Amino acid sequence: MIEKMFWGLRALLYAPFFGKFGMPSYLGKPIFLKGIRNVFIGKKVRILPHLRMETQNEGTIHIQDDVVISQNVHLTSAGNLTIGKGSLILGNVFITNIDHDYKEIGVPILKQKISVKETQIGENCFIGMGAAIMAGTILGKQCVVGANSVVRGIFPDYCVIVGSPAKIVKNYNPETQIWEKISEKN
């Protein structure tokens, strides 16, 4: 409990450097922050220690209300990256909207162009431990991403996504009000 008081105090001290920092929110000790003037944090956002968050160029990060970001999470943006309200992101997760090009043979990756694709985490999503949400991923409302999944693509509301590469394994059926497995086609 005492650490949360320090995290709240840290949030107050850091708040003027962010584009927006809604209260009451708290911030555990980060590892690295860059370009946080382009980071907009809603109300009741809880960020645990060891966050790495960076924006490049004119990139933005929007973290909506009532989001929990666990320890050792890395967020990086050179475009628009949004985390929807009520979402929970477990530890060791990576979320980006940046891809590095690799097509020029003999040119180091870091000297090649980057490509930016909007990335969105929908409302009430759950991102499991160690997942990687790659550039261009759009998650609908209340999606569940399994631990260690590598996610790229557009996914509808109310689905469970697992694997590397990730695929949908369950959908919520509003008629039966049950999460139903997706049958595999051979």
C-alpha atoms as a PDB file:
ATOM      1  CA  MET A   1       0.000   0.000   0.000  1.00  0.00           C
ATOM      2  CA  ILE A   2       2.814   2.423   0.845  1.00  0.00           C
ATOM      3  CA  GLU A   3       4.383   1.946  -2.613  1.00  0.00           C
ATOM      4  CA  LYS A   4       1.114   3.069  -4.232  1.00  0.00           C
ATOM      5  CA  MET A   5       1.352   6.340  -2.307  1.00  0.00           C
ATOM      6  CA  PHE A   6       4.832   6.851  -3.780  1.00  0.00           C
ATOM      7  CA  TRP A   7       3.518   5.920  -7.231  1.00  0.00           C
ATOM      8  CA  GLY A   8       0.737   8.507  -6.835  1.00  0.00           C
ATOM      9  CA  LEU A   9       3.279  11.138  -5.811  1.00  0.00           C
ATOM     10  CA  ARG A  10       5.463  10.196  -8.794  1.00  0.00           C
ATOM     11  CA  ALA A  11       2.424  10.622 -11.068  1.00  0.00           C
ATOM     12  CA  LEU A  12       1.910  14.150  -9.728  1.00  0.00           C
ATOM     13  CA  LEU A  13       5.571  14.996 -10.331  1.00  0.00           C
ATOM     14  CA  TYR A  14       5.632  13.549 -13.872  1.00  0.00           C
ATOM     15  CA  ALA A  15       2.163  14.800 -14.925  1.00  0.00           C
ATOM     16  CA  PRO A  16       3.285  18.217 -16.279  1.00  0.00           C
ATOM     17  CA  PHE A  17       5.634  16.493 -18.728  1.00  0.00           C
ATOM     18  CA  PHE A  18       2.872  14.358 -20.334  1.00  0.00           C
ATOM     19  CA  GLY A  19       0.386  15.605 -22.929  1.00  0.00           C
ATOM     20  CA  LYS A  20      -2.274  14.656 -20.373  1.00  0.00           C
ATOM     21  CA  PHE A  21      -2.127  12.728 -17.111  1.00  0.00           C
ATOM     22  CA  GLY A  22      -5.604  12.144 -15.627  1.00  0.00           C
ATOM     23  CA  MET A  23      -6.038  11.773 -11.902  1.00  0.00           C
ATOM     24  CA  PRO A  24      -6.286   9.746  -9.844  1.00  0.00           C
ATOM     25  CA  SER A  25      -3.737   7.651 -11.702  1.00  0.00           C
ATOM     26  CA  TYR A  26      -0.398   6.322 -10.557  1.00  0.00           C
ATOM     27  CA  LEU A  27       2.954   5.512 -12.083  1.00  0.00           C
ATOM     28  CA  GLY A  28       5.478   2.991 -10.789  1.00  0.00           C
ATOM     29  CA  LYS A  29       9.137   3.797 -11.387  1.00  0.00           C
ATOM     30  CA  PRO A  30       9.681   3.656 -15.165  1.00  0.00           C
ATOM     31  CA  ILE A  31      12.807   2.335 -16.879  1.00  0.00           C
ATOM     32  CA  PHE A  32      12.680   4.707 -19.853  1.00  0.00           C
ATOM     33  CA  LEU A  33      10.375   7.499 -21.043  1.00  0.00           C
ATOM     34  CA  LYS A  34      10.837   9.395 -24.320  1.00  0.00           C
ATOM     35  CA  GLY A  35       8.545  11.892 -26.044  1.00  0.00           C
ATOM     36  CA  ILE A  36       5.963  11.771 -23.263  1.00  0.00           C
ATOM     37  CA  ARG A  37       4.575  15.160 -24.298  1.00  0.00           C
ATOM     38  CA  ASN A  38       2.752  13.030 -26.914  1.00  0.00           C
ATOM     39  CA  VAL A  39       1.386  10.579 -24.329  1.00  0.00           C
ATOM     40  CA  PHE A  40      -2.175  11.080 -23.079  1.00  0.00           C
ATOM     41  CA  ILE A  41      -3.229   9.136 -19.984  1.00  0.00           C
ATOM     42  CA  GLY A  42      -6.824   8.967 -18.774  1.00  0.00           C
ATOM     43  CA  LYS A  43      -8.253   8.785 -15.267  1.00  0.00           C
ATOM     44  CA  LYS A  44      -7.684   5.857 -12.889  1.00  0.00           C
ATOM     45  CA  VAL A  45      -4.812   4.450 -14.957  1.00  0.00           C
ATOM     46  CA  ARG A  46      -2.500   2.211 -12.950  1.00  0.00           C
ATOM     47  CA  ILE A  47       0.989   1.725 -14.339  1.00  0.00           C
ATOM     48  CA  LEU A  48       3.253  -0.630 -12.436  1.00  0.00           C
ATOM     49  CA  PRO A  49       7.070  -0.342 -12.309  1.00  0.00           C
ATOM     50  CA  HIS A  50       9.575  -0.837 -15.126  1.00  0.00           C
ATOM     51  CA  LEU A  51       7.554   0.684 -17.944  1.00  0.00           C
ATOM     52  CA  ARG A  52       9.384   1.595 -21.141  1.00  0.00           C
ATOM     53  CA  MET A  53       7.311   4.070 -23.145  1.00  0.00           C
ATOM     54  CA  GLU A  54       8.483   6.088 -26.105  1.00  0.00           C
ATOM     55  CA  THR A  55       7.105   8.132 -28.955  1.00  0.00           C
ATOM     56  CA  GLN A  56       9.079   8.976 -32.064  1.00  0.00           C
ATOM     57  CA  ASN A  57       8.512  11.795 -34.543  1.00  0.00           C
ATOM     58  CA  GLU A  58       4.874  12.865 -34.124  1.00  0.00           C
ATOM     59  CA  GLY A  59       3.729   9.523 -32.683  1.00  0.00           C
ATOM     60  CA  THR A  60       1.120   9.463 -29.934  1.00  0.00           C
ATOM     61  CA  ILE A  61       0.049   7.044 -27.238  1.00  0.00           C
ATOM     62  CA  HIS A  62      -3.477   7.330 -25.833  1.00  0.00           C
ATOM     63  CA  ILE A  63      -4.214   5.299 -22.704  1.00  0.00           C
ATOM     64  CA  GLN A  64      -7.890   5.644 -21.868  1.00  0.00           C
ATOM     65  CA  ASP A  65      -9.534   5.550 -18.420  1.00  0.00           C
ATOM     66  CA  ASP A  66      -9.261   2.660 -15.973  1.00  0.00           C
ATOM     67  CA  VAL A  67      -6.409   0.815 -17.715  1.00  0.00           C
ATOM     68  CA  VAL A  68      -3.938  -1.346 -15.784  1.00  0.00           C
ATOM     69  CA  ILE A  69      -0.444  -1.807 -17.210  1.00  0.00           C
ATOM     70  CA  SER A  70       1.629  -4.376 -15.334  1.00  0.00           C
ATOM     71  CA  GLN A  71       5.391  -4.493 -14.875  1.00  0.00           C
ATOM     72  CA  ASN A  72       8.009  -4.565 -17.654  1.00  0.00           C
ATOM     73  CA  VAL A  73       5.698  -3.367 -20.440  1.00  0.00           C
ATOM     74  CA  HIS A  74       7.160  -1.676 -23.556  1.00  0.00           C
ATOM     75  CA  LEU A  75       5.008   0.745 -25.574  1.00  0.00           C
ATOM     76  CA  THR A  76       6.458   2.443 -28.651  1.00  0.00           C
ATOM     77  CA  SER A  77       4.730   4.643 -31.217  1.00  0.00           C
ATOM     78  CA  ALA A  78       5.586   6.683 -34.300  1.00  0.00           C
ATOM     79  CA  GLY A  79       1.910   6.982 -35.308  1.00  0.00           C
ATOM     80  CA  ASN A  80      -1.275   6.516 -33.317  1.00  0.00           C
ATOM     81  CA  LEU A  81      -1.368   3.845 -30.613  1.00  0.00           C
ATOM     82  CA  THR A  82      -4.527   3.585 -28.481  1.00  0.00           C
ATOM     83  CA  ILE A  83      -5.300   1.416 -25.457  1.00  0.00           C
ATOM     84  CA  GLY A  84      -9.043   1.315 -24.786  1.00  0.00           C
ATOM     85  CA  LYS A  85     -10.659   1.950 -21.428  1.00  0.00           C
ATOM     86  CA  GLY A  86     -10.884  -0.842 -18.896  1.00  0.00           C
ATOM     87  CA  SER A  87      -8.120  -2.914 -20.493  1.00  0.00           C
ATOM     88  CA  LEU A  88      -5.630  -5.009 -18.531  1.00  0.00           C
ATOM     89  CA  ILE A  89      -2.113  -5.544 -19.859  1.00  0.00           C
ATOM     90  CA  LEU A  90      -0.056  -8.118 -17.979  1.00  0.00           C
ATOM     91  CA  GLY A  91       3.734  -8.084 -17.552  1.00  0.00           C
ATOM     92  CA  ASN A  92       6.424  -8.359 -20.209  1.00  0.00           C
ATOM     93  CA  VAL A  93       4.103  -7.221 -23.010  1.00  0.00           C
ATOM     94  CA  PHE A  94       5.294  -5.304 -26.089  1.00  0.00           C
ATOM     95  CA  ILE A  95       2.899  -3.068 -28.055  1.00  0.00           C
ATOM     96  CA  THR A  96       3.970  -1.095 -31.129  1.00  0.00           C
ATOM     97  CA  ASN A  97       2.817   0.528 -34.339  1.00  0.00           C
ATOM     98  CA  ILE A  98       6.286   0.468 -35.909  1.00  0.00           C
ATOM     99  CA  ASP A  99       7.821  -2.061 -38.303  1.00  0.00           C
ATOM    100  CA  HIS A 100      11.433  -1.889 -39.456  1.00  0.00           C
ATOM    101  CA  ASP A 101      12.036  -2.485 -43.145  1.00  0.00           C
ATOM    102  CA  TYR A 102      14.650  -5.095 -44.089  1.00  0.00           C
ATOM    103  CA  LYS A 103      14.491  -5.170 -47.887  1.00  0.00           C
ATOM    104  CA  GLU A 104      17.735  -3.309 -48.663  1.00  0.00           C
ATOM    105  CA  ILE A 105      20.425  -5.975 -48.644  1.00  0.00           C
ATOM    106  CA  GLY A 106      23.666  -4.837 -47.055  1.00  0.00           C
ATOM    107  CA  VAL A 107      22.000  -1.918 -45.237  1.00  0.00           C
ATOM    108  CA  PRO A 108      21.653  -2.273 -41.467  1.00  0.00           C
ATOM    109  CA  ILE A 109      18.032  -2.564 -40.316  1.00  0.00           C
ATOM    110  CA  LEU A 110      18.305   0.590 -38.199  1.00  0.00           C
ATOM    111  CA  LYS A 111      19.310   2.609 -41.287  1.00  0.00           C
ATOM    112  CA  GLN A 112      16.307   1.474 -43.312  1.00  0.00           C
ATOM    113  CA  LYS A 113      12.908   3.165 -43.334  1.00  0.00           C
ATOM    114  CA  ILE A 114      10.331   2.393 -40.702  1.00  0.00           C
ATOM    115  CA  SER A 115       6.734   1.742 -41.584  1.00  0.00           C
ATOM    116  CA  VAL A 116       3.973   2.893 -39.248  1.00  0.00           C
ATOM    117  CA  LYS A 117       0.549   1.277 -38.993  1.00  0.00           C
ATOM    118  CA  GLU A 118      -2.115   2.337 -36.505  1.00  0.00           C
ATOM    119  CA  THR A 119      -2.452  -0.033 -33.557  1.00  0.00           C
ATOM    120  CA  GLN A 120      -5.551  -0.141 -31.336  1.00  0.00           C
ATOM    121  CA  ILE A 121      -6.422  -2.159 -28.262  1.00  0.00           C
ATOM    122  CA  GLY A 122     -10.204  -2.104 -27.790  1.00  0.00           C
ATOM    123  CA  GLU A 123     -12.142  -1.490 -24.586  1.00  0.00           C
ATOM    124  CA  ASN A 124     -11.974  -4.099 -21.812  1.00  0.00           C
ATOM    125  CA  CYS A 125      -9.285  -6.173 -23.494  1.00  0.00           C
ATOM    126  CA  PHE A 126      -7.014  -8.580 -21.622  1.00  0.00           C
ATOM    127  CA  ILE A 127      -3.463  -8.932 -22.921  1.00  0.00           C
ATOM    128  CA  GLY A 128      -1.738 -11.990 -21.451  1.00  0.00           C
ATOM    129  CA  MET A 129       1.784 -12.217 -20.056  1.00  0.00           C
ATOM    130  CA  GLY A 130       4.559 -11.840 -22.630  1.00  0.00           C
ATOM    131  CA  ALA A 131       2.334 -11.075 -25.623  1.00  0.00           C
ATOM    132  CA  ALA A 132       3.577  -8.966 -28.543  1.00  0.00           C
ATOM    133  CA  ILE A 133       1.022  -6.725 -30.243  1.00  0.00           C
ATOM    134  CA  MET A 134       2.574  -5.803 -33.573  1.00  0.00           C
ATOM    135  CA  ALA A 135       2.087  -2.801 -35.892  1.00  0.00           C
ATOM    136  CA  GLY A 136      -1.306  -2.569 -37.562  1.00  0.00           C
ATOM    137  CA  THR A 137      -3.131  -4.703 -35.013  1.00  0.00           C
ATOM    138  CA  ILE A 138      -6.712  -3.707 -34.259  1.00  0.00           C
ATOM    139  CA  LEU A 139      -8.369  -5.539 -31.369  1.00  0.00           C
ATOM    140  CA  GLY A 140     -12.126  -5.156 -30.937  1.00  0.00           C
ATOM    141  CA  LYS A 141     -13.909  -4.831 -27.611  1.00  0.00           C
ATOM    142  CA  GLN A 142     -13.189  -7.336 -24.857  1.00  0.00           C
ATOM    143  CA  CYS A 143     -10.677  -9.431 -26.745  1.00  0.00           C
ATOM    144  CA  VAL A 144      -8.517 -11.848 -24.780  1.00  0.00           C
ATOM    145  CA  VAL A 145      -4.929 -12.360 -25.958  1.00  0.00           C
ATOM    146  CA  GLY A 146      -3.198 -15.485 -24.646  1.00  0.00           C
ATOM    147  CA  ALA A 147       0.206 -15.472 -22.966  1.00  0.00           C
ATOM    148  CA  ASN A 148       3.215 -15.229 -25.306  1.00  0.00           C
ATOM    149  CA  SER A 149       1.031 -14.682 -28.373  1.00  0.00           C
ATOM    150  CA  VAL A 150       2.354 -12.695 -31.333  1.00  0.00           C
ATOM    151  CA  VAL A 151      -0.593 -10.710 -32.659  1.00  0.00           C
ATOM    152  CA  ARG A 152      -0.885  -8.969 -36.017  1.00  0.00           C
ATOM    153  CA  GLY A 153      -4.099  -8.223 -37.865  1.00  0.00           C
ATOM    154  CA  ILE A 154      -7.660  -7.106 -37.304  1.00  0.00           C
ATOM    155  CA  PHE A 155      -9.752  -9.010 -34.764  1.00  0.00           C
ATOM    156  CA  PRO A 156     -13.478  -8.588 -34.035  1.00  0.00           C
ATOM    157  CA  ASP A 157     -15.124  -7.850 -30.696  1.00  0.00           C
ATOM    158  CA  TYR A 158     -15.362 -10.636 -28.097  1.00  0.00           C
ATOM    159  CA  CYS A 159     -12.796 -13.155 -29.274  1.00  0.00           C
ATOM    160  CA  VAL A 160      -9.958 -15.146 -27.730  1.00  0.00           C
ATOM    161  CA  ILE A 161      -6.696 -14.934 -29.670  1.00  0.00           C
ATOM    162  CA  VAL A 162      -3.708 -17.228 -29.042  1.00  0.00           C
ATOM    163  CA  GLY A 163      -0.525 -18.468 -30.643  1.00  0.00           C
ATOM    164  CA  SER A 164       2.390 -17.359 -32.747  1.00  0.00           C
ATOM    165  CA  PRO A 165       1.167 -16.228 -35.172  1.00  0.00           C
ATOM    166  CA  ALA A 166      -2.010 -15.570 -33.211  1.00  0.00           C
ATOM    167  CA  LYS A 167      -5.381 -16.774 -34.406  1.00  0.00           C
ATOM    168  CA  ILE A 168      -8.916 -16.725 -33.027  1.00  0.00           C
ATOM    169  CA  VAL A 169      -9.790 -19.839 -31.023  1.00  0.00           C
ATOM    170  CA  LYS A 170     -13.057 -18.651 -29.394  1.00  0.00           C
ATOM    171  CA  ASN A 171     -15.812 -16.140 -30.050  1.00  0.00           C
ATOM    172  CA  TYR A 172     -18.595 -14.961 -27.782  1.00  0.00           C
ATOM    173  CA  ASN A 173     -22.015 -15.945 -29.131  1.00  0.00           C
ATOM    174  CA  PRO A 174     -24.577 -13.330 -28.025  1.00  0.00           C
ATOM    175  CA  GLU A 175     -27.482 -15.704 -28.784  1.00  0.00           C
ATOM    176  CA  THR A 176     -26.269 -18.529 -26.513  1.00  0.00           C
ATOM    177  CA  GLN A 177     -24.294 -16.150 -24.255  1.00  0.00           C
ATOM    178  CA  ILE A 178     -21.394 -18.630 -24.316  1.00  0.00           C
ATOM    179  CA  TRP A 179     -17.780 -18.336 -25.433  1.00  0.00           C
ATOM    180  CA  GLU A 180     -17.626 -20.952 -28.203  1.00  0.00           C
ATOM    181  CA  LYS A 181     -14.574 -22.679 -29.636  1.00  0.00           C
ATOM    182  CA  ILE A 182     -13.810 -22.127 -33.287  1.00  0.00           C
ATOM    183  CA  SER A 183     -13.831 -25.426 -35.131  1.00  0.00           C
ATOM    184  CA  GLU A 184     -10.647 -26.175 -37.024  1.00  0.00           C
ATOM    185  CA  LYS A 185     -11.087 -26.940 -40.694  1.00  0.00           C
ATOM    186  CA  ASN A 186      -8.851 -29.635 -42.134  1.00  0.00           C
END
